Each structure stands twice: as structure tokens, then as C-alpha cells.
């Protein structure tokens, strides 16, 4: 695998060693028409002239897909080579970025047949930084502080909601539990700009339960496409600060985390009471029982709506298939165990019962931690 240089060059300037390492990998795993020597010489001239170079479309596609293959926290990497790459490297203006993000949602949603996709915007160049998307996902729900001190909506996004209100976003009246937040995009030192996400670009699934009619009365829902949008993509020494990408949801992400976590929707006490469980002690395992029914409801609802969703048992098996394929190709498959093991029934899945190669933060290509 390629590795990043030990000392990072100034923003936008490319380290030749990083470019060479990527191109060597690209030529070793694919069959470009151009020879490696010719391509290296071409890239060296570009870097000498302007401090950076331009990826070919094939290099861009390969780099984005391998970055997914290298993503140690993702259980769905079996499908890395099918990632749909949208090349939008000429797009940098915030308004155009936001419009392409909306188009990304439409392309990825496909009426519920979710497609793994990435949209890659302008890179950082010497003296010319690329755009930045400040949302951590293209679709997130607002968190509204109420006069009583409680939160209506997603508790994790209270501060972000307050931020966009300060920028001029109008809270719905009355504030809801599932109000889609606007996109916030900036470039360089310019002030961030804000853009609403059209409702028809966000497919949402109303949640019901296969056996509990009252569950639908809770009026819960969740959006169909988990598009991460604040992780820069680095390929061959070039950083693309805005490169939103998505796979599809696993039921536990919504049922056992987003709707269940205490700092998010914290719905397990509600479910437990509606189930008639004894919530007076943790030893009754009421949380466990409520959690399973929540996950069942999410899985059932997405299936009934015809929206792509993985389940944690099947995806665990597929991940081990991916590990076997990587090892057969002569590559290791680093993984963060705490992210690969599902947050419910972990011990019932095969990914629980083994360890994995330790992730190397220097591995490239990669999706990087969000910029400060």
C-alpha cells in the first residue's frame, strides 16, 4: 500500500514521493495504456511547474475505490470496486457544490435501490483551496432546544442547528423531530454559505413494526442515504477536501445507534414503556429487549418500502468474504474491531470471533478525519 510522507508539504502542494507511490500502485493493479515511466515523468513536470498535478479519470476512480478498500471502520468494503465516481473537479463555488450534493442524493437514491457513490469536487491547489462541506452527512436532522431544557430532534446536532439559525436558517414552526438541516459550504477564507436541501431529494422511510401496531403511532422515520460529507479524500498526495460518499445503511446503524443513543433520540425508554417492560432496573434487560424490537422495526420498514438496507448478520459474513479476497490478492485487511462488530448481537456474528490487522493511519489513498 502507498504511504503518506512523514512531513506534509504546504497545503495544496504535492509531495513527489506520495504521487509516485500512488502511481506505482495504480500501475501494479491496473493496465493503463501509458507506461509507468512515462506517467511519472509527466507528473513530475506538472509538479515542478505548479506544485501539483491532475489525476486522470481512471486514476481518480481507482483512488476513490481503494480509499474505500482501505477504510478500516467500514464493514461494507466487499463492494469497493463498484463505487460510482462522479467527477466534479471543476466545481468549487459553494452554490454549485451544494447543487451537486443534491444531485448526488438523487443519483444515489434511485427510488430506493441505493447506489454506492462519491462526488469529488475541486482539490486543494497551491494558493487555491478546494471547497469544504461543514455537514458531517448530506442529510442530518436538526436538534432544537426547548424552553424546558429538553431537545426535540437529534440531540447530537443541537450546536450545528444553532449555528445555521445564526446564519439565517428559519426553524420550522413548530420545530419537528425530523427537520432536514441545510448544507453549509465554504471555500478558503470566505464565510460559509447555506443552502436548503429540497425535500424531494431526501427519501425517507416511515417506521413501523411487523408485530406491534402501536409502533407506527410513534411517527418515526429515517432517511435512506447515509452520505458522509466532511472527510477529505487524499489520493497520491492530492487532497480533495469535499468528496461526499455513501454506501447504504445497516439496520443497526439506525435502530441501535441513531434512534437509541442517549445523545441522539434516546428512544429506548419510550419503546420499553410501550412494550410494558419493567424499566426499574438494568438487570431486567429491558434495554436489550427494546433495542431488538427497534432494530426489527427499522429492518422491516426499509424492506417494506423497497429501500436497500443491510442486516448485521449477512453483512458480517460478507465482510469475512472481503477479508479472504484481500488476503488471496496478497493484501492485508486492516480493520477497527470496535466499528466492524455490530452494536447489537455482536457475539452472534462471525466478525466478533477474530482479530484483524491494525489500521495504519498513514495508509493512502484514504478518507481522512474531518478537518478542524
Protein backbone atom coordinates (compact mmCIF):
# COMPACT_ATOMS: atom_id res chain seq x y z
CA UNK A 1 0.00 0.00 0.00
CA UNK A 2 1.01 3.58 -0.51
CA UNK A 3 2.07 5.67 2.48
CA UNK A 4 1.94 9.37 3.14
CA UNK A 5 5.19 11.33 3.50
CA UNK A 6 6.46 11.83 7.04
CA UNK A 7 6.42 15.63 6.65
CA UNK A 8 3.39 17.11 4.95
CA UNK A 9 4.07 19.82 2.34
CA UNK A 10 2.22 23.16 2.47
CA UNK A 11 -1.49 22.95 1.70
CA UNK A 12 -2.12 22.16 -1.93
CA UNK A 13 1.48 21.28 -2.76
CA UNK A 14 2.09 17.65 -3.65
CA UNK A 15 4.89 15.53 -2.26
CA UNK A 16 6.53 13.71 -5.17
CA UNK A 17 7.02 10.56 -3.11
CA UNK A 18 3.30 10.36 -2.39
CA UNK A 19 2.46 10.84 -6.06
CA UNK A 20 4.96 8.19 -7.12
CA UNK A 21 3.78 5.66 -4.53
CA UNK A 22 0.19 6.01 -5.74
CA UNK A 23 1.10 5.75 -9.42
CA UNK A 24 3.19 2.65 -8.77
CA UNK A 25 0.20 1.08 -7.02
CA UNK A 26 -2.19 2.17 -9.79
CA UNK A 27 0.01 0.62 -12.47
CA UNK A 28 0.53 -2.55 -10.45
CA UNK A 29 -3.23 -3.17 -10.04
CA UNK A 30 -4.50 -1.92 -13.40
CA UNK A 31 -3.34 -1.89 -17.03
CA UNK A 32 -3.13 1.74 -18.21
CA UNK A 33 -2.26 2.47 -21.82
CA UNK A 34 0.55 4.77 -20.73
CA UNK A 35 3.71 3.28 -19.23
CA UNK A 36 4.54 3.96 -15.61
CA UNK A 37 7.80 5.66 -16.57
CA UNK A 38 6.04 7.99 -18.99
CA UNK A 39 3.34 8.86 -16.46
CA UNK A 40 5.87 9.51 -13.69
CA UNK A 41 7.80 11.84 -15.95
CA UNK A 42 4.61 13.68 -16.91
CA UNK A 43 3.53 14.09 -13.29
CA UNK A 44 7.00 15.24 -12.26
CA UNK A 45 6.87 18.01 -14.87
CA UNK A 46 3.43 19.12 -13.63
CA UNK A 47 4.60 19.24 -10.02
CA UNK A 48 7.75 21.13 -10.98
CA UNK A 49 5.70 23.69 -12.89
CA UNK A 50 2.80 24.22 -10.50
CA UNK A 51 3.31 22.31 -7.27
CA UNK A 52 0.63 19.75 -8.08
CA UNK A 53 -0.70 17.55 -10.88
CA UNK A 54 -4.02 16.37 -12.29
CA UNK A 55 -5.28 12.82 -11.91
CA UNK A 56 -6.58 11.05 -14.98
CA UNK A 57 -10.19 9.91 -14.65
CA UNK A 58 -9.02 6.31 -14.30
CA UNK A 59 -6.60 7.30 -11.54
CA UNK A 60 -9.35 9.23 -9.76
CA UNK A 61 -11.75 6.28 -9.90
CA UNK A 62 -9.11 3.84 -8.73
CA UNK A 63 -8.00 6.12 -5.89
CA UNK A 64 -11.54 6.70 -4.59
CA UNK A 65 -12.31 2.99 -4.68
CA UNK A 66 -9.07 1.98 -2.98
CA UNK A 67 -9.70 4.62 -0.30
CA UNK A 68 -12.92 2.74 0.44
CA UNK A 69 -11.00 -0.54 0.43
CA UNK A 70 -8.63 0.99 2.98
CA UNK A 71 -11.43 2.29 5.25
CA UNK A 72 -10.74 0.33 8.43
CA UNK A 73 -14.04 1.25 10.07
CA UNK A 74 -16.30 0.10 7.23
CA UNK A 75 -17.87 -3.36 7.28
CA UNK A 76 -19.23 -2.99 3.72
CA UNK A 77 -15.94 -2.98 1.85
CA UNK A 78 -16.73 -6.08 -0.18
CA UNK A 79 -18.29 -3.74 -2.75
CA UNK A 80 -15.36 -1.30 -3.00
CA UNK A 81 -14.73 -1.81 -6.70
CA UNK A 82 -18.32 -0.93 -7.67
CA UNK A 83 -18.23 2.61 -6.24
CA UNK A 84 -19.82 5.05 -8.71
CA UNK A 85 -17.44 8.01 -9.08
CA UNK A 86 -18.84 11.41 -10.06
CA UNK A 87 -16.01 13.63 -11.29
CA UNK A 88 -16.84 17.23 -10.39
CA UNK A 89 -13.29 18.54 -10.03
CA UNK A 90 -14.18 21.72 -11.93
CA UNK A 91 -16.79 22.63 -9.29
CA UNK A 92 -15.65 24.82 -6.38
CA UNK A 93 -18.19 27.62 -5.87
CA UNK A 94 -20.31 26.87 -2.78
CA UNK A 95 -23.65 27.20 -4.56
CA UNK A 96 -22.57 24.81 -7.31
CA UNK A 97 -21.16 22.38 -4.74
CA UNK A 98 -24.48 22.36 -2.88
CA UNK A 99 -26.40 21.77 -6.11
CA UNK A 100 -24.15 18.82 -6.96
CA UNK A 101 -24.62 17.43 -3.45
CA UNK A 102 -28.37 17.44 -4.05
CA UNK A 103 -27.79 15.69 -7.37
CA UNK A 104 -25.59 13.17 -5.57
CA UNK A 105 -28.53 12.29 -3.32
CA UNK A 106 -30.75 11.76 -6.36
CA UNK A 107 -28.16 9.62 -8.14
CA UNK A 108 -27.51 7.53 -5.05
CA UNK A 109 -31.16 7.09 -4.06
CA UNK A 110 -32.62 5.74 -7.32
CA UNK A 111 -36.08 5.35 -5.82
CA UNK A 112 -34.76 3.13 -3.03
CA UNK A 113 -32.26 0.97 -4.94
CA UNK A 114 -29.39 2.69 -3.17
CA UNK A 115 -26.16 3.01 -5.14
CA UNK A 116 -22.74 3.50 -3.57
CA UNK A 117 -21.44 6.78 -4.96
CA UNK A 118 -18.90 9.54 -4.44
CA UNK A 119 -18.85 13.07 -5.82
CA UNK A 120 -15.36 14.56 -5.95
CA UNK A 121 -15.05 18.35 -6.02
CA UNK A 122 -12.09 20.64 -6.73
CA UNK A 123 -8.86 19.71 -4.92
CA UNK A 124 -6.62 21.88 -2.83
CA UNK A 125 -4.04 23.58 -5.02
CA UNK A 126 -1.18 25.88 -4.04
CA UNK A 127 -2.83 29.16 -3.07
CA UNK A 128 -6.24 27.87 -4.16
CA UNK A 129 -8.01 25.72 -1.54
CA UNK A 130 -10.87 23.50 -2.55
CA UNK A 131 -14.39 23.73 -1.11
CA UNK A 132 -15.33 22.32 2.30
CA UNK A 133 -18.71 20.87 3.32
CA UNK A 134 -19.29 21.53 7.03
CA UNK A 135 -22.10 19.00 7.49
CA UNK A 136 -20.89 15.56 8.54
CA UNK A 137 -23.53 13.98 6.30
CA UNK A 138 -25.55 15.46 3.45
CA UNK A 139 -28.74 14.61 5.33
CA UNK A 140 -28.98 15.22 9.06
CA UNK A 141 -31.89 16.14 11.29
CA UNK A 142 -31.96 19.28 13.42
CA UNK A 143 -31.85 19.29 17.20
CA UNK A 144 -33.99 22.04 18.77
CA UNK A 145 -33.52 23.20 22.36
CA UNK A 146 -36.89 23.71 24.02
CA UNK A 147 -37.81 26.16 26.77
CA UNK A 148 -37.96 23.27 29.23
CA UNK A 149 -34.34 22.35 28.51
CA UNK A 150 -35.15 19.24 26.52
CA UNK A 151 -34.16 18.59 22.91
CA UNK A 152 -36.62 17.97 20.11
CA UNK A 153 -34.98 16.12 17.24
CA UNK A 154 -31.42 14.82 17.03
CA UNK A 155 -29.54 15.74 20.18
CA UNK A 156 -26.14 15.47 18.53
CA UNK A 157 -26.90 18.35 16.17
CA UNK A 158 -28.15 20.97 18.61
CA UNK A 159 -25.00 23.08 18.26
CA UNK A 160 -24.95 22.76 14.47
CA UNK A 161 -28.64 23.70 14.39
CA UNK A 162 -27.94 26.77 16.50
CA UNK A 163 -25.12 27.64 14.11
CA UNK A 164 -27.29 27.57 10.99
CA UNK A 165 -30.04 29.51 12.79
CA UNK A 166 -27.39 32.14 13.48
CA UNK A 167 -26.68 32.16 9.74
CA UNK A 168 -30.32 32.85 8.98
CA UNK A 169 -31.97 29.43 8.77
CA UNK A 170 -35.59 29.56 9.88
CA UNK A 171 -36.61 26.81 12.25
CA UNK A 172 -39.89 25.16 11.21
CA UNK A 173 -42.84 26.34 13.28
CA UNK A 174 -43.38 24.26 15.26
CA UNK A 175 -39.92 22.63 15.32
CA UNK A 176 -40.10 18.96 14.35
CA UNK A 177 -38.14 15.85 15.25
CA UNK A 178 -37.01 15.21 11.68
CA UNK A 179 -36.27 18.62 10.14
CA UNK A 180 -33.57 18.27 7.47
CA UNK A 181 -30.68 20.66 8.10
CA UNK A 182 -29.34 22.91 5.32
CA UNK A 183 -25.95 22.35 3.71
CA UNK A 184 -23.13 24.63 4.82
CA UNK A 185 -20.31 25.07 2.29
CA UNK A 186 -17.25 27.33 2.21
CA UNK A 187 -14.09 27.86 0.25
CA UNK A 188 -10.80 29.23 1.50
CA UNK A 189 -11.17 32.10 3.93
CA UNK A 190 -14.63 33.06 2.64
CA UNK A 191 -17.57 32.91 5.02
CA UNK A 192 -19.63 29.70 4.87
CA UNK A 193 -22.76 29.80 2.78
CA UNK A 194 -26.01 27.93 3.47
CA UNK A 195 -28.32 26.05 1.10
CA UNK A 196 -31.54 24.15 1.76
CA UNK A 197 -31.84 20.53 0.66
CA UNK A 198 -35.02 20.14 -1.44
CA UNK A 199 -37.50 17.75 0.22
CA UNK A 200 -37.87 15.69 -2.95
CA UNK A 201 -34.14 14.86 -2.87
CA UNK A 202 -34.42 13.15 0.52
CA UNK A 203 -36.11 9.76 0.51
CA UNK A 204 -37.43 8.98 3.99
CA UNK A 205 -38.85 5.74 5.33
CA UNK A 206 -41.70 5.83 7.90
CA UNK A 207 -41.05 3.26 10.61
CA UNK A 208 -43.48 0.54 11.64
CA UNK A 209 -43.15 -2.87 13.28
CA UNK A 210 -44.15 -6.25 11.83
CA UNK A 211 -45.94 -7.32 15.06
CA UNK A 212 -46.62 -4.16 17.08
CA UNK A 213 -49.29 -1.89 15.51
CA UNK A 214 -48.65 0.88 18.04
CA UNK A 215 -45.11 1.39 16.78
CA UNK A 216 -46.36 3.37 13.76
CA UNK A 217 -48.10 5.74 16.18
CA UNK A 218 -44.67 6.97 17.29
CA UNK A 219 -44.35 8.62 13.85
CA UNK A 220 -40.68 7.85 13.48
CA UNK A 221 -38.81 7.92 10.20
CA UNK A 222 -35.29 7.94 8.82
CA UNK A 223 -33.61 8.98 5.60
CA UNK A 224 -32.40 6.40 3.10
CA UNK A 225 -28.89 7.55 2.11
CA UNK A 226 -26.02 7.87 4.61
CA UNK A 227 -23.74 10.22 2.66
CA UNK A 228 -20.64 11.21 4.65
CA UNK A 229 -19.54 14.67 3.60
CA UNK A 230 -16.81 16.06 5.88
CA UNK A 231 -13.96 13.58 5.31
CA UNK A 232 -11.30 14.79 2.83
CA UNK A 233 -10.14 12.29 0.23
CA UNK A 234 -6.39 12.01 -0.32
CA UNK A 235 -5.04 10.29 -3.44
CA UNK A 236 -1.41 10.38 -4.46
CA UNK A 237 -0.62 13.48 -2.40
CA UNK A 238 -3.63 15.44 -3.68
CA UNK A 239 -6.33 16.34 -1.15
CA UNK A 240 -9.94 16.69 -2.23
CA UNK A 241 -11.48 18.40 0.84
CA UNK A 242 -15.05 17.91 -0.39
CA UNK A 243 -15.83 14.38 -1.57
CA UNK A 244 -19.19 13.20 -0.17
CA UNK A 245 -19.67 9.45 -0.45
CA UNK A 246 -22.27 6.87 0.55
CA UNK A 247 -22.97 3.21 0.80
CA UNK A 248 -26.27 2.07 2.26
CA UNK A 249 -27.48 1.69 5.80
CA UNK A 250 -27.20 -1.36 8.00
CA UNK A 251 -30.27 -1.68 10.20
CA UNK A 252 -28.31 -1.45 13.44
CA UNK A 253 -26.90 1.96 12.50
CA UNK A 254 -30.36 3.47 12.73
CA UNK A 255 -32.10 1.18 15.21
CA UNK A 256 -29.27 0.59 17.68
CA UNK A 257 -27.43 3.91 17.38
CA UNK A 258 -29.16 6.89 15.77
CA UNK A 259 -32.54 6.35 17.41
CA UNK A 260 -31.23 4.66 20.56
CA UNK A 261 -28.12 6.56 21.69
CA UNK A 262 -28.72 8.76 24.71
CA UNK A 263 -27.22 11.80 22.98
CA UNK A 264 -29.31 11.26 19.82
CA UNK A 265 -33.01 10.34 20.01
CA UNK A 266 -32.82 8.26 23.21
CA UNK A 267 -35.96 6.29 22.36
CA UNK A 268 -35.32 3.06 24.26
CA UNK A 269 -37.19 4.24 27.39
CA UNK A 270 -40.19 5.07 25.18
CA UNK A 271 -40.09 1.66 23.49
CA UNK A 272 -39.59 -0.12 26.80
CA UNK A 273 -42.64 1.52 28.34
CA UNK A 274 -44.81 0.80 25.29
CA UNK A 275 -43.70 -2.83 25.45
CA UNK A 276 -44.76 -2.94 29.09
CA UNK A 277 -41.28 -3.86 30.29
CA UNK A 278 -40.00 -3.42 33.82
CA UNK A 279 -37.64 -0.46 33.44
CA UNK A 280 -36.91 -0.13 37.16
CA UNK A 281 -33.59 -1.98 36.94
CA UNK A 282 -30.95 -2.61 34.31
CA UNK A 283 -30.98 -6.25 35.43
CA UNK A 284 -34.35 -6.81 33.77
CA UNK A 285 -32.54 -6.31 30.43
CA UNK A 286 -35.35 -4.08 29.25
CA UNK A 287 -32.92 -2.05 27.15
CA UNK A 288 -31.78 -5.15 25.29
CA UNK A 289 -35.33 -6.22 24.54
CA UNK A 290 -36.37 -2.74 23.45
CA UNK A 291 -33.27 -2.45 21.26
CA UNK A 292 -34.01 -5.66 19.36
CA UNK A 293 -37.56 -4.53 18.63
CA UNK A 294 -36.28 -1.16 17.43
CA UNK A 295 -33.87 -2.82 15.01
CA UNK A 296 -36.63 -5.17 13.85
CA UNK A 297 -38.85 -2.18 13.11
CA UNK A 298 -36.15 -0.41 11.11
CA UNK A 299 -35.27 -3.51 9.07
CA UNK A 300 -38.94 -4.32 8.44
CA UNK A 301 -39.77 -0.76 7.39
CA UNK A 302 -36.92 -0.40 4.90
CA UNK A 303 -37.73 -3.81 3.42
CA UNK A 304 -41.43 -2.95 3.14
CA UNK A 305 -40.55 0.35 1.43
CA UNK A 306 -38.20 -1.36 -1.04
CA UNK A 307 -35.18 0.63 0.19
CA UNK A 308 -31.79 -1.05 0.22
CA UNK A 309 -30.62 -1.96 3.72
CA UNK A 310 -28.09 -4.49 5.01
CA UNK A 311 -28.58 -6.60 8.11
CA UNK A 312 -25.74 -7.16 10.56
CA UNK A 313 -25.67 -10.96 10.23
CA UNK A 314 -25.41 -11.02 6.42
CA UNK A 315 -23.00 -8.10 6.27
CA UNK A 316 -20.71 -9.76 8.80
CA UNK A 317 -20.46 -12.82 6.58
CA UNK A 318 -19.79 -10.63 3.54
CA UNK A 319 -17.04 -8.76 5.35
CA UNK A 320 -15.19 -12.01 6.03
CA UNK A 321 -15.54 -12.81 2.33
CA UNK A 322 -13.87 -9.46 1.65
CA UNK A 323 -11.05 -10.29 4.08
CA UNK A 324 -10.49 -13.62 2.31
CA UNK A 325 -10.38 -11.91 -1.10
CA UNK A 326 -7.90 -9.33 0.11
CA UNK A 327 -5.64 -12.00 1.58
CA UNK A 328 -5.87 -14.00 -1.66
CA UNK A 329 -4.76 -10.86 -3.52
CA UNK A 330 -1.72 -10.61 -1.25
CA UNK A 331 -3.05 -7.67 0.74
CA UNK A 332 -3.80 -7.38 4.44
CA UNK A 333 -7.18 -6.08 5.52
CA UNK A 334 -6.81 -3.73 8.49
CA UNK A 335 -9.98 -3.23 10.50
CA UNK A 336 -11.09 -1.36 13.59
CA UNK A 337 -12.73 -4.17 15.59
CA UNK A 338 -14.93 -1.79 17.59
CA UNK A 339 -16.51 -0.48 14.37
CA UNK A 340 -16.71 -3.76 12.47
CA UNK A 341 -18.57 -5.64 15.22
CA UNK A 342 -22.28 -4.66 15.13
CA UNK A 343 -23.71 -2.71 18.10
CA UNK A 344 -26.34 -5.40 18.74
CA UNK A 345 -25.86 -9.20 18.98
CA UNK A 346 -22.16 -8.81 18.27
CA UNK A 347 -21.28 -12.23 19.65
CA UNK A 348 -23.73 -13.86 17.24
CA UNK A 349 -21.83 -12.57 14.21
CA UNK A 350 -18.63 -14.14 12.84
CA UNK A 351 -16.73 -10.82 12.81
CA UNK A 352 -16.75 -10.85 16.62
CA UNK A 353 -14.71 -14.01 16.99
CA UNK A 354 -11.42 -12.92 15.46
CA UNK A 355 -8.93 -10.07 15.35
CA UNK A 356 -7.72 -8.04 12.39
CA UNK A 357 -4.58 -6.27 11.21
CA UNK A 358 -4.14 -2.93 12.98
CA UNK A 359 -5.11 0.10 10.87
CA UNK A 360 -2.20 2.31 9.76
CA UNK A 361 -3.21 6.00 9.71
CA UNK A 362 -0.54 6.64 7.07
CA UNK A 363 -2.19 4.33 4.51
CA UNK A 364 -3.17 6.04 1.29
CA UNK A 365 -5.42 6.53 -0.65
CA UNK A 366 -7.75 7.31 2.25
CA UNK A 367 -10.71 9.20 3.55
CA UNK A 368 -9.17 11.39 6.24
CA UNK A 369 -10.53 12.56 9.59
CA UNK A 370 -12.63 15.73 9.28
CA UNK A 371 -10.70 18.98 9.04
CA UNK A 372 -10.69 21.14 12.16
